[in-house]
Amino acid sequence: MYRFLLTPRWWGINVFAVLAIPLCLFMGSWQLSRFEDRVNTHQQQEDRSARAKTEAARPLAGLLPVDTVTSGRQASARGHYDTGHQLLVPDRTLKDKHGRQQGFYVLDLLRTDGGKALPVVRGWLPGDAGSKADTAKVPAPPKGEVTVTGALQASENQGTDGVQAGGGLPPGQLGMISAASLVNIVPYEVYDAWITLTDTQAPLRAVPPAAAEGSGLDLKAFQNLGYTGEWFVFAGFVVFMWFRLFRRDAEAARDAALGIVAEGEPAPQGGAAQGEERGAGEGAAAPARRA
């Protein structure tokens, strides 16, 4: 009854199922492991950030380049602010006890003793970076030689929250905090990193450090979790369809063995021959009865 499993059609179905099910299970497990890695790195990042608040600041040069280990660490640098290139970073959101507020970062460039400049976010202010009334509240940076201390951050990219990578900003504003976006604004080299000050001048408010890219429970992390469910559903769907096709063909084979013909299908040759024989016999018997 199950000879249909040896047909070329079913060979193709079986090979597809044998290959598809393990593949779906493997991809689902891989996506789940990616999500678990992000959860672990997120916890590690939070632990490092908590320790960084109590640890002594380290010189900037010893923490570069920025990675998932050094991101958020307290870094220190010495130099003087370039007062001629103060920049405002618009449309940045800050969370506090009152919720989310829209405002802008105040960014200055610290010319270090090594020659390069370090972007320093001195703080955040509510309001519009294009409003003179709001920007008038920005305090001037300290003059002379200073030592700054803050949380080290990697350069932003187009996928960072709040970044305006499309350009079109007026002079004095910056859409993305990165060495690449500053190279055409200042006439000197810039570190491929920045810091956000822990202690700020009033009325500026400190900007909390962001988690390193790929280490937080962001949208990508939950996409991994969603993909996990999708791959496992695909595996279940393949199993479901295999059993459905198998049951349909098994029932058809069983019906054929019993001589049951579905409506619209041709009658079996054996049944047709038997019907012709019965018809011929009945036709021959009819004259005999009349006689």
Foldseek 3Di string as FASTA:
>chain_A
DQPVCVDPVNVVLVVCLVVQLVVLLVLLVVLVVLLVQLVVLLVVLVVLLVVQVVDDADAPVVLPPPDLNQFNHKYKFKAFWPQVQWAKAAFDWDQDPVGIAGWIWIWIWGQGPVRATAIEGQFIFGDGPPDPVRVVQDDGDDGDMDMFIFGKFAWDDPPDPQADPPDPDDPRYHRTGAQVRCPVPDPTGYDRIHGWGPDHDPPGHTGRGDRHPSNHCDPVSVVSVVSSVVSNVSSVVSVVVVVVVSVVVVVVVVCVVVQHDDPPDDGDPVVVVVVVVVVVVVVVVVVVVVD
